[in-house]
Amino acid sequence: MKKLTLFIVLAFIIQITTYSQSCLPDGIEFTTQAEIDNFQTNHPGCTEIEGDVIIPGYDITNFNGLNVLTSFWGSLTIYGTANLTNLTGLDNVTSIAGLFIWTSEGLNSLTGLENITSVAGDIEIICNNSLTDLTGLDNLTFVGVSLDIHHNDSITNLSGLNNVAFIEGKLVIWDNPSLTSLTELNNLDSVGGYLAIVDNDSLTSLAGFDNLTSIGGLLEITQNDALTNLTGLDNINAASINYLSITQNDLLSSCEVKSVCDYLANPSGYLFFLVMHLVAIPR
């Protein structure tokens, strides 16, 4: 009986080793759908990719062949995938070092990333003109370096970022011409680097930053043509700001929010304050 028990335990350990292992320390690049479809055949037992993963290619339509993966020790870069509409196939991934999604014109959803709760490095969502929101990142709570969202023509809101509480580095929301709302960021408590809201033509309000208390550096609000007030920045600790730049927001008529007023009363760093059509100066 003891020998049989030992045999079963050893068999179980061997099975785990066979079906859960890391591979590809130098990373991998997928340029065709066939390479993705054949991944499990070409790399049997691989569930964790050690190196960086790059996925370009007009030919790629789905990630179903990657559904055994649970971890990317390096970064995942997806770009130029005009026929890829979502990220289904990455549903079992729980850990990733960095996420870069660039110029994927057909991508209309980030569905497939729901099991990722933190990203150790950067997230960049850039020039994905069919993407209307960030649904798929719904369980993300922590970004280890920076979050950049820019040049996405169709994004109207940031649904998918509702649970993000802390960004270690910078948060940049730049040149998303259809973006109207930031309310999905209402759980964000701290940005460790700087916060920049730049050139979002349809953004009328900064509501959504109401729980943000610290930014750890620069606060920049620039060229948001439809922005009418700064409400939403009220709870930022002025002592956490070391550079303030509020410029060229043509409809902005008042800067009377507590964080800005406190900083102006006792600036601790650089100040560049040129609010277009400013009619109310904080006392």
C-alpha atoms as a PDB file:
ATOM      1  CA  MET A   1       0.000   0.000   0.000  1.00  0.00           C
ATOM      2  CA  LYS A   2       2.854   2.400   0.865  1.00  0.00           C
ATOM      3  CA  LYS A   3       4.519   1.667  -2.477  1.00  0.00           C
ATOM      4  CA  LEU A   4       1.233   2.319  -4.289  1.00  0.00           C
ATOM      5  CA  THR A   5       0.737   5.612  -2.433  1.00  0.00           C
ATOM      6  CA  LEU A   6       4.295   6.705  -3.248  1.00  0.00           C
ATOM      7  CA  PHE A   7       3.764   5.814  -6.905  1.00  0.00           C
ATOM      8  CA  ILE A   8       0.583   7.896  -7.041  1.00  0.00           C
ATOM      9  CA  VAL A   9       2.299  10.907  -5.423  1.00  0.00           C
ATOM     10  CA  LEU A  10       5.243  10.687  -7.821  1.00  0.00           C
ATOM     11  CA  ALA A  11       2.912  10.364 -10.781  1.00  0.00           C
ATOM     12  CA  PHE A  12       1.029  13.460  -9.601  1.00  0.00           C
ATOM     13  CA  ILE A  13       4.243  15.476  -9.249  1.00  0.00           C
ATOM     14  CA  ILE A  14       5.403  14.379 -12.708  1.00  0.00           C
ATOM     15  CA  GLN A  15       2.040  15.402 -14.154  1.00  0.00           C
ATOM     16  CA  ILE A  16       2.239  18.849 -12.572  1.00  0.00           C
ATOM     17  CA  THR A  17       5.789  19.279 -13.876  1.00  0.00           C
ATOM     18  CA  THR A  18       4.692  18.197 -17.337  1.00  0.00           C
ATOM     19  CA  TYR A  19       1.658  20.442 -17.543  1.00  0.00           C
ATOM     20  CA  SER A  20       2.905  23.494 -15.636  1.00  0.00           C
ATOM     21  CA  GLN A  21       6.308  24.778 -16.634  1.00  0.00           C
ATOM     22  CA  SER A  22       8.102  27.849 -17.873  1.00  0.00           C
ATOM     23  CA  CYS A  23       9.737  28.115 -21.275  1.00  0.00           C
ATOM     24  CA  LEU A  24      11.154  30.458 -23.902  1.00  0.00           C
ATOM     25  CA  PRO A  25      13.624  32.507 -21.811  1.00  0.00           C
ATOM     26  CA  ASP A  26      14.447  34.556 -24.904  1.00  0.00           C
ATOM     27  CA  GLY A  27      10.774  35.222 -25.595  1.00  0.00           C
ATOM     28  CA  ILE A  28       8.833  34.587 -28.774  1.00  0.00           C
ATOM     29  CA  GLU A  29       7.307  36.487 -31.690  1.00  0.00           C
ATOM     30  CA  PHE A  30       4.073  35.341 -33.319  1.00  0.00           C
ATOM     31  CA  THR A  31       3.619  36.725 -36.821  1.00  0.00           C
ATOM     32  CA  THR A  32       0.971  34.346 -38.203  1.00  0.00           C
ATOM     33  CA  GLN A  33      -2.220  32.708 -36.969  1.00  0.00           C
ATOM     34  CA  ALA A  34      -0.667  29.298 -37.636  1.00  0.00           C
ATOM     35  CA  GLU A  35       2.126  30.004 -35.151  1.00  0.00           C
ATOM     36  CA  ILE A  36      -0.454  30.747 -32.471  1.00  0.00           C
ATOM     37  CA  ASP A  37      -2.595  27.736 -33.387  1.00  0.00           C
ATOM     38  CA  ASN A  38       0.450  25.433 -33.172  1.00  0.00           C
ATOM     39  CA  PHE A  39       1.886  26.879 -29.963  1.00  0.00           C
ATOM     40  CA  GLN A  40       0.821  23.986 -27.735  1.00  0.00           C
ATOM     41  CA  THR A  41       2.203  21.451 -30.211  1.00  0.00           C
ATOM     42  CA  ASN A  42       5.508  23.261 -30.620  1.00  0.00           C
ATOM     43  CA  HIS A  43       5.928  23.987 -26.906  1.00  0.00           C
ATOM     44  CA  PRO A  44       4.168  21.186 -25.016  1.00  0.00           C
ATOM     45  CA  GLY A  45       3.564  21.820 -21.334  1.00  0.00           C
ATOM     46  CA  CYS A  46       4.543  25.478 -21.513  1.00  0.00           C
ATOM     47  CA  THR A  47       2.273  27.629 -19.351  1.00  0.00           C
ATOM     48  CA  GLU A  48       4.631  30.480 -18.407  1.00  0.00           C
ATOM     49  CA  ILE A  49       6.677  32.389 -20.973  1.00  0.00           C
ATOM     50  CA  GLU A  50       9.860  33.753 -19.420  1.00  0.00           C
ATOM     51  CA  GLY A  51      10.872  36.275 -22.091  1.00  0.00           C
ATOM     52  CA  ASP A  52       9.031  39.063 -23.899  1.00  0.00           C
ATOM     53  CA  VAL A  53       6.183  38.150 -26.236  1.00  0.00           C
ATOM     54  CA  ILE A  54       5.595  40.155 -29.411  1.00  0.00           C
ATOM     55  CA  ILE A  55       2.497  39.641 -31.556  1.00  0.00           C
ATOM     56  CA  PRO A  56       2.333  41.679 -34.757  1.00  0.00           C
ATOM     57  CA  GLY A  57       0.611  40.642 -37.925  1.00  0.00           C
ATOM     58  CA  TYR A  58      -2.335  41.339 -40.191  1.00  0.00           C
ATOM     59  CA  ASP A  59      -2.983  37.603 -40.433  1.00  0.00           C
ATOM     60  CA  ILE A  60      -3.789  37.065 -36.750  1.00  0.00           C
ATOM     61  CA  THR A  61      -7.488  36.760 -35.860  1.00  0.00           C
ATOM     62  CA  ASN A  62      -7.548  35.080 -32.414  1.00  0.00           C
ATOM     63  CA  PHE A  63      -5.403  33.944 -29.484  1.00  0.00           C
ATOM     64  CA  ASN A  64      -7.227  30.675 -28.805  1.00  0.00           C
ATOM     65  CA  GLY A  65      -4.033  28.639 -29.195  1.00  0.00           C
ATOM     66  CA  LEU A  66      -2.530  30.482 -26.198  1.00  0.00           C
ATOM     67  CA  ASN A  67      -5.258  29.470 -23.764  1.00  0.00           C
ATOM     68  CA  VAL A  68      -2.863  27.316 -21.688  1.00  0.00           C
ATOM     69  CA  LEU A  69      -0.738  30.313 -20.713  1.00  0.00           C
ATOM     70  CA  THR A  70      -0.986  31.578 -17.147  1.00  0.00           C
ATOM     71  CA  SER A  71       1.927  33.998 -16.884  1.00  0.00           C
ATOM     72  CA  PHE A  72       4.155  36.340 -18.899  1.00  0.00           C
ATOM     73  CA  TRP A  73       7.380  36.958 -16.978  1.00  0.00           C
ATOM     74  CA  GLY A  74       8.248  39.617 -19.521  1.00  0.00           C
ATOM     75  CA  SER A  75       6.072  42.022 -21.431  1.00  0.00           C
ATOM     76  CA  LEU A  76       3.334  41.341 -23.986  1.00  0.00           C
ATOM     77  CA  THR A  77       3.308  43.601 -27.033  1.00  0.00           C
ATOM     78  CA  ILE A  78       0.449  43.462 -29.535  1.00  0.00           C
ATOM     79  CA  TYR A  79       0.525  45.729 -32.573  1.00  0.00           C
ATOM     80  CA  GLY A  80      -0.680  45.999 -36.149  1.00  0.00           C
ATOM     81  CA  THR A  81      -3.248  43.210 -35.722  1.00  0.00           C
ATOM     82  CA  ALA A  82      -5.945  44.656 -37.963  1.00  0.00           C
ATOM     83  CA  ASN A  83      -8.110  41.509 -37.922  1.00  0.00           C
ATOM     84  CA  LEU A  84      -7.965  40.820 -34.182  1.00  0.00           C
ATOM     85  CA  THR A  85     -11.155  41.992 -32.431  1.00  0.00           C
ATOM     86  CA  ASN A  86     -10.563  40.848 -28.829  1.00  0.00           C
ATOM     87  CA  LEU A  87      -8.008  39.121 -26.603  1.00  0.00           C
ATOM     88  CA  THR A  88      -9.967  35.972 -25.846  1.00  0.00           C
ATOM     89  CA  GLY A  89      -7.468  33.143 -25.435  1.00  0.00           C
ATOM     90  CA  LEU A  90      -5.513  34.970 -22.743  1.00  0.00           C
ATOM     91  CA  ASP A  91      -8.268  34.257 -20.208  1.00  0.00           C
ATOM     92  CA  ASN A  92      -6.029  32.137 -17.962  1.00  0.00           C
ATOM     93  CA  VAL A  93      -3.244  34.714 -17.676  1.00  0.00           C
ATOM     94  CA  THR A  94      -3.015  36.046 -14.113  1.00  0.00           C
ATOM     95  CA  SER A  95       0.451  37.616 -14.127  1.00  0.00           C
ATOM     96  CA  ILE A  96       2.171  39.906 -16.618  1.00  0.00           C
ATOM     97  CA  ALA A  97       5.193  42.221 -16.434  1.00  0.00           C
ATOM     98  CA  GLY A  98       4.090  44.773 -19.024  1.00  0.00           C
ATOM     99  CA  LEU A  99       1.284  45.273 -21.530  1.00  0.00           C
ATOM    100  CA  PHE A 100       1.633  47.234 -24.772  1.00  0.00           C
ATOM    101  CA  ILE A 101      -1.236  47.389 -27.280  1.00  0.00           C
ATOM    102  CA  TRP A 102      -0.492  49.612 -30.265  1.00  0.00           C
ATOM    103  CA  THR A 103      -2.153  50.371 -33.607  1.00  0.00           C
ATOM    104  CA  SER A 104      -4.455  47.352 -33.587  1.00  0.00           C
ATOM    105  CA  GLU A 105      -7.173  48.853 -35.764  1.00  0.00           C
ATOM    106  CA  GLY A 106      -9.634  45.965 -35.509  1.00  0.00           C
ATOM    107  CA  LEU A 107      -9.465  45.604 -31.741  1.00  0.00           C
ATOM    108  CA  ASN A 108     -12.793  46.643 -30.188  1.00  0.00           C
ATOM    109  CA  SER A 109     -12.466  44.934 -26.802  1.00  0.00           C
ATOM    110  CA  LEU A 110      -9.835  43.892 -24.262  1.00  0.00           C
ATOM    111  CA  THR A 111     -11.944  40.900 -23.281  1.00  0.00           C
ATOM    112  CA  GLY A 112      -9.592  38.091 -22.301  1.00  0.00           C
ATOM    113  CA  LEU A 113      -7.606  40.010 -19.697  1.00  0.00           C
ATOM    114  CA  GLU A 114     -10.151  39.623 -16.888  1.00  0.00           C
ATOM    115  CA  ASN A 115      -7.895  37.516 -14.637  1.00  0.00           C
ATOM    116  CA  ILE A 116      -5.091  40.068 -14.498  1.00  0.00           C
ATOM    117  CA  THR A 117      -5.135  41.947 -11.183  1.00  0.00           C
ATOM    118  CA  SER A 118      -1.781  43.717 -11.403  1.00  0.00           C
ATOM    119  CA  VAL A 119       0.837  44.628 -13.985  1.00  0.00           C
ATOM    120  CA  ALA A 120       4.367  44.977 -12.648  1.00  0.00           C
ATOM    121  CA  GLY A 121       5.543  47.409 -15.334  1.00  0.00           C
ATOM    122  CA  ASP A 122       3.933  49.686 -17.899  1.00  0.00           C
ATOM    123  CA  ILE A 123       0.576  49.563 -19.643  1.00  0.00           C
ATOM    124  CA  GLU A 124       0.304  51.427 -22.946  1.00  0.00           C
ATOM    125  CA  ILE A 125      -2.925  51.569 -24.948  1.00  0.00           C
ATOM    126  CA  ILE A 126      -2.047  53.616 -28.027  1.00  0.00           C
ATOM    127  CA  CYS A 127      -3.654  54.235 -31.444  1.00  0.00           C
ATOM    128  CA  ASN A 128      -6.353  51.558 -31.283  1.00  0.00           C
ATOM    129  CA  ASN A 129      -9.088  53.351 -33.181  1.00  0.00           C
ATOM    130  CA  SER A 130     -11.890  50.775 -32.807  1.00  0.00           C
ATOM    131  CA  LEU A 131     -11.549  50.533 -29.025  1.00  0.00           C
ATOM    132  CA  THR A 132     -14.421  52.311 -27.231  1.00  0.00           C
ATOM    133  CA  ASP A 133     -13.441  51.514 -23.632  1.00  0.00           C
ATOM    134  CA  LEU A 134     -11.057  49.320 -21.625  1.00  0.00           C
ATOM    135  CA  THR A 135     -13.486  46.607 -20.590  1.00  0.00           C
ATOM    136  CA  GLY A 136     -11.469  43.470 -19.952  1.00  0.00           C
ATOM    137  CA  LEU A 137      -9.151  45.090 -17.417  1.00  0.00           C
ATOM    138  CA  ASP A 138     -11.967  45.085 -14.862  1.00  0.00           C
ATOM    139  CA  ASN A 139     -10.002  43.301 -12.118  1.00  0.00           C
ATOM    140  CA  LEU A 140      -6.851  45.377 -12.480  1.00  0.00           C
ATOM    141  CA  THR A 141      -6.008  47.124  -9.185  1.00  0.00           C
ATOM    142  CA  PHE A 142      -2.302  48.001  -9.436  1.00  0.00           C
ATOM    143  CA  VAL A 143       0.083  49.302 -12.114  1.00  0.00           C
ATOM    144  CA  GLY A 144       3.734  48.994 -11.142  1.00  0.00           C
ATOM    145  CA  VAL A 145       5.108  51.722 -13.399  1.00  0.00           C
ATOM    146  CA  SER A 146       2.932  53.799 -15.724  1.00  0.00           C
ATOM    147  CA  LEU A 147      -0.430  53.805 -17.494  1.00  0.00           C
ATOM    148  CA  ASP A 148      -0.560  55.612 -20.852  1.00  0.00           C
ATOM    149  CA  ILE A 149      -3.789  55.922 -22.821  1.00  0.00           C
ATOM    150  CA  HIS A 150      -3.445  58.035 -25.922  1.00  0.00           C
ATOM    151  CA  HIS A 151      -4.413  58.510 -29.554  1.00  0.00           C
ATOM    152  CA  ASN A 152      -7.435  56.200 -29.348  1.00  0.00           C
ATOM    153  CA  ASP A 153     -10.018  57.919 -31.554  1.00  0.00           C
ATOM    154  CA  SER A 154     -13.137  56.029 -30.425  1.00  0.00           C
ATOM    155  CA  ILE A 155     -12.645  55.662 -26.661  1.00  0.00           C
ATOM    156  CA  THR A 156     -15.562  57.418 -24.933  1.00  0.00           C
ATOM    157  CA  ASN A 157     -14.942  56.299 -21.339  1.00  0.00           C
ATOM    158  CA  LEU A 158     -12.479  54.305 -19.262  1.00  0.00           C
ATOM    159  CA  SER A 159     -14.727  51.418 -18.231  1.00  0.00           C
ATOM    160  CA  GLY A 160     -12.430  48.593 -17.246  1.00  0.00           C
ATOM    161  CA  LEU A 161     -10.307  50.755 -14.938  1.00  0.00           C
ATOM    162  CA  ASN A 162     -12.968  50.931 -12.229  1.00  0.00           C
ATOM    163  CA  ASN A 163     -10.885  48.984  -9.694  1.00  0.00           C
ATOM    164  CA  VAL A 164      -7.476  50.569 -10.246  1.00  0.00           C
ATOM    165  CA  ALA A 165      -6.379  51.987  -6.885  1.00  0.00           C
ATOM    166  CA  PHE A 166      -2.660  52.698  -7.283  1.00  0.00           C
ATOM    167  CA  ILE A 167      -0.322  53.629 -10.141  1.00  0.00           C
ATOM    168  CA  GLU A 168       3.337  53.652  -9.124  1.00  0.00           C
ATOM    169  CA  GLY A 169       4.537  55.923 -11.923  1.00  0.00           C
ATOM    170  CA  LYS A 170       2.647  58.232 -14.258  1.00  0.00           C
ATOM    171  CA  LEU A 171      -0.903  58.363 -15.549  1.00  0.00           C
ATOM    172  CA  VAL A 172      -1.175  59.982 -18.974  1.00  0.00           C
ATOM    173  CA  ILE A 173      -4.494  60.403 -20.783  1.00  0.00           C
ATOM    174  CA  TRP A 174      -3.666  62.170 -24.021  1.00  0.00           C
ATOM    175  CA  ASP A 175      -5.375  62.899 -27.338  1.00  0.00           C
ATOM    176  CA  ASN A 176      -8.452  60.711 -27.054  1.00  0.00           C
ATOM    177  CA  PRO A 177     -10.844  62.965 -28.991  1.00  0.00           C
ATOM    178  CA  SER A 178     -14.067  61.078 -28.149  1.00  0.00           C
ATOM    179  CA  LEU A 179     -13.363  60.668 -24.422  1.00  0.00           C
ATOM    180  CA  THR A 180     -16.156  62.295 -22.409  1.00  0.00           C
ATOM    181  CA  SER A 181     -15.824  60.756 -18.945  1.00  0.00           C
ATOM    182  CA  LEU A 182     -13.225  59.795 -16.338  1.00  0.00           C
ATOM    183  CA  THR A 183     -15.748  58.652 -13.730  1.00  0.00           C
ATOM    184  CA  GLU A 184     -14.481  55.076 -14.026  1.00  0.00           C
ATOM    185  CA  LEU A 185     -11.314  56.122 -12.168  1.00  0.00           C
ATOM    186  CA  ASN A 186     -13.215  56.745  -8.932  1.00  0.00           C
ATOM    187  CA  ASN A 187     -11.222  54.126  -6.975  1.00  0.00           C
ATOM    188  CA  LEU A 188      -7.859  55.660  -7.832  1.00  0.00           C
ATOM    189  CA  ASP A 189      -6.147  56.791  -4.636  1.00  0.00           C
ATOM    190  CA  SER A 190      -2.551  57.504  -5.629  1.00  0.00           C
ATOM    191  CA  VAL A 191      -0.404  58.239  -8.686  1.00  0.00           C
ATOM    192  CA  GLY A 192       3.231  57.927  -7.681  1.00  0.00           C
ATOM    193  CA  GLY A 193       4.726  59.899 -10.574  1.00  0.00           C
ATOM    194  CA  TYR A 194       2.689  62.495 -12.415  1.00  0.00           C
ATOM    195  CA  LEU A 195      -0.787  63.029 -13.751  1.00  0.00           C
ATOM    196  CA  ALA A 196      -1.278  64.498 -17.220  1.00  0.00           C
ATOM    197  CA  ILE A 197      -4.644  65.094 -18.917  1.00  0.00           C
ATOM    198  CA  VAL A 198      -3.820  66.518 -22.328  1.00  0.00           C
ATOM    199  CA  ASP A 199      -5.677  67.282 -25.575  1.00  0.00           C
ATOM    200  CA  ASN A 200      -8.917  65.369 -24.967  1.00  0.00           C
ATOM    201  CA  ASP A 201     -11.300  67.466 -27.061  1.00  0.00           C
ATOM    202  CA  SER A 202     -14.620  66.127 -25.707  1.00  0.00           C
ATOM    203  CA  LEU A 203     -13.758  65.918 -22.012  1.00  0.00           C
ATOM    204  CA  THR A 204     -15.962  68.319 -20.030  1.00  0.00           C
ATOM    205  CA  SER A 205     -15.190  67.244 -16.469  1.00  0.00           C
ATOM    206  CA  LEU A 206     -12.492  65.729 -14.267  1.00  0.00           C
ATOM    207  CA  ALA A 207     -15.054  64.002 -12.057  1.00  0.00           C
ATOM    208  CA  GLY A 208     -13.671  60.558 -11.366  1.00  0.00           C
ATOM    209  CA  PHE A 209     -10.548  61.746  -9.556  1.00  0.00           C
ATOM    210  CA  ASP A 210     -12.567  62.497  -6.420  1.00  0.00           C
ATOM    211  CA  ASN A 211     -10.726  59.862  -4.341  1.00  0.00           C
ATOM    212  CA  LEU A 212      -7.271  60.773  -5.647  1.00  0.00           C
ATOM    213  CA  THR A 213      -5.252  62.142  -2.722  1.00  0.00           C
ATOM    214  CA  SER A 214      -1.643  62.093  -3.948  1.00  0.00           C
ATOM    215  CA  ILE A 215       0.152  62.456  -7.279  1.00  0.00           C
ATOM    216  CA  GLY A 216       3.812  62.547  -6.260  1.00  0.00           C
ATOM    217  CA  GLY A 217       4.914  65.136  -8.808  1.00  0.00           C
ATOM    218  CA  LEU A 218       3.572  66.975 -11.829  1.00  0.00           C
ATOM    219  CA  LEU A 219      -0.055  67.864 -12.398  1.00  0.00           C
ATOM    220  CA  GLU A 220      -0.726  68.907 -15.987  1.00  0.00           C
ATOM    221  CA  ILE A 221      -4.104  69.827 -17.463  1.00  0.00           C
ATOM    222  CA  THR A 222      -3.548  71.084 -21.019  1.00  0.00           C
ATOM    223  CA  GLN A 223      -5.530  71.694 -24.220  1.00  0.00           C
ATOM    224  CA  ASN A 224      -8.793  70.082 -23.172  1.00  0.00           C
ATOM    225  CA  ASP A 225     -11.062  72.295 -25.263  1.00  0.00           C
ATOM    226  CA  ALA A 226     -14.386  71.300 -23.667  1.00  0.00           C
ATOM    227  CA  LEU A 227     -13.247  71.305 -20.021  1.00  0.00           C
ATOM    228  CA  THR A 228     -15.278  73.806 -17.987  1.00  0.00           C
ATOM    229  CA  ASN A 229     -13.986  73.279 -14.423  1.00  0.00           C
ATOM    230  CA  LEU A 230     -11.425  71.440 -12.311  1.00  0.00           C
ATOM    231  CA  THR A 231     -13.881  69.782  -9.957  1.00  0.00           C
ATOM    232  CA  GLY A 232     -12.606  66.304  -9.194  1.00  0.00           C
ATOM    233  CA  LEU A 233      -9.122  67.411  -8.183  1.00  0.00           C
ATOM    234  CA  ASP A 234     -10.306  68.772  -4.833  1.00  0.00           C
ATOM    235  CA  ASN A 235      -8.868  66.046  -2.626  1.00  0.00           C
ATOM    236  CA  ILE A 236      -5.310  65.955  -3.925  1.00  0.00           C
ATOM    237  CA  ASN A 237      -2.865  66.907  -1.183  1.00  0.00           C
ATOM    238  CA  ALA A 238      -1.174  70.102  -2.388  1.00  0.00           C
ATOM    239  CA  ALA A 239       2.079  68.948  -0.772  1.00  0.00           C
ATOM    240  CA  SER A 240       2.228  66.069  -3.254  1.00  0.00           C
ATOM    241  CA  ILE A 241       2.395  68.494  -6.208  1.00  0.00           C
ATOM    242  CA  ASN A 242       5.818  69.814  -7.206  1.00  0.00           C
ATOM    243  CA  TYR A 243       4.974  71.132 -10.671  1.00  0.00           C
ATOM    244  CA  LEU A 244       1.643  72.598 -11.731  1.00  0.00           C
ATOM    245  CA  SER A 245       0.748  73.299 -15.353  1.00  0.00           C
ATOM    246  CA  ILE A 246      -2.818  74.265 -16.333  1.00  0.00           C
ATOM    247  CA  THR A 247      -2.810  75.770 -19.822  1.00  0.00           C
ATOM    248  CA  GLN A 248      -4.844  76.299 -22.993  1.00  0.00           C
ATOM    249  CA  ASN A 249      -8.154  74.910 -21.763  1.00  0.00           C
ATOM    250  CA  ASP A 250     -10.323  77.381 -23.674  1.00  0.00           C
ATOM    251  CA  LEU A 251     -13.580  76.985 -21.713  1.00  0.00           C
ATOM    252  CA  LEU A 252     -12.041  76.742 -18.278  1.00  0.00           C
ATOM    253  CA  SER A 253     -13.350  79.717 -16.330  1.00  0.00           C
ATOM    254  CA  SER A 254     -12.488  78.859 -12.743  1.00  0.00           C
ATOM    255  CA  CYS A 255      -9.618  77.183 -10.943  1.00  0.00           C
ATOM    256  CA  GLU A 256     -11.171  77.249  -7.479  1.00  0.00           C
ATOM    257  CA  VAL A 257     -10.569  73.732  -6.237  1.00  0.00           C
ATOM    258  CA  LYS A 258      -8.846  73.090  -2.941  1.00  0.00           C
ATOM    259  CA  SER A 259      -5.730  71.313  -4.204  1.00  0.00           C
ATOM    260  CA  VAL A 260      -4.944  74.023  -6.747  1.00  0.00           C
ATOM    261  CA  CYS A 261      -5.747  76.870  -4.353  1.00  0.00           C
ATOM    262  CA  ASP A 262      -3.549  75.374  -1.640  1.00  0.00           C
ATOM    263  CA  TYR A 263      -0.689  74.903  -4.049  1.00  0.00           C
ATOM    264  CA  LEU A 264      -0.957  78.460  -5.384  1.00  0.00           C
ATOM    265  CA  ALA A 265      -1.014  79.800  -1.837  1.00  0.00           C
ATOM    266  CA  ASN A 266       2.224  78.007  -0.979  1.00  0.00           C
ATOM    267  CA  PRO A 267       3.858  76.472  -4.055  1.00  0.00           C
ATOM    268  CA  SER A 268       6.486  73.845  -3.350  1.00  0.00           C
ATOM    269  CA  GLY A 269       7.847  73.571  -6.875  1.00  0.00           C
ATOM    270  CA  TYR A 270       7.434  74.925 -10.399  1.00  0.00           C
ATOM    271  CA  LEU A 271       4.302  76.757 -11.485  1.00  0.00           C
ATOM    272  CA  PHE A 272       3.066  77.317 -15.010  1.00  0.00           C
ATOM    273  CA  PHE A 273      -0.465  78.587 -14.809  1.00  0.00           C
ATOM    274  CA  LEU A 274      -2.018  80.041 -17.955  1.00  0.00           C
ATOM    275  CA  VAL A 275      -5.683  79.137 -18.037  1.00  0.00           C
ATOM    276  CA  MET A 276      -7.349  80.476 -21.131  1.00  0.00           C
ATOM    277  CA  HIS A 277     -10.345  82.739 -20.401  1.00  0.00           C
ATOM    278  CA  LEU A 278      -9.670  82.598 -16.675  1.00  0.00           C
ATOM    279  CA  VAL A 279     -12.164  84.819 -14.856  1.00  0.00           C
ATOM    280  CA  ALA A 280     -11.893  83.591 -11.273  1.00  0.00           C
ATOM    281  CA  ILE A 281      -8.548  83.653  -9.500  1.00  0.00           C
ATOM    282  CA  PRO A 282      -8.301  81.696  -6.232  1.00  0.00           C
ATOM    283  CA  ARG A 283      -7.619  83.861  -3.200  1.00  0.00           C
END
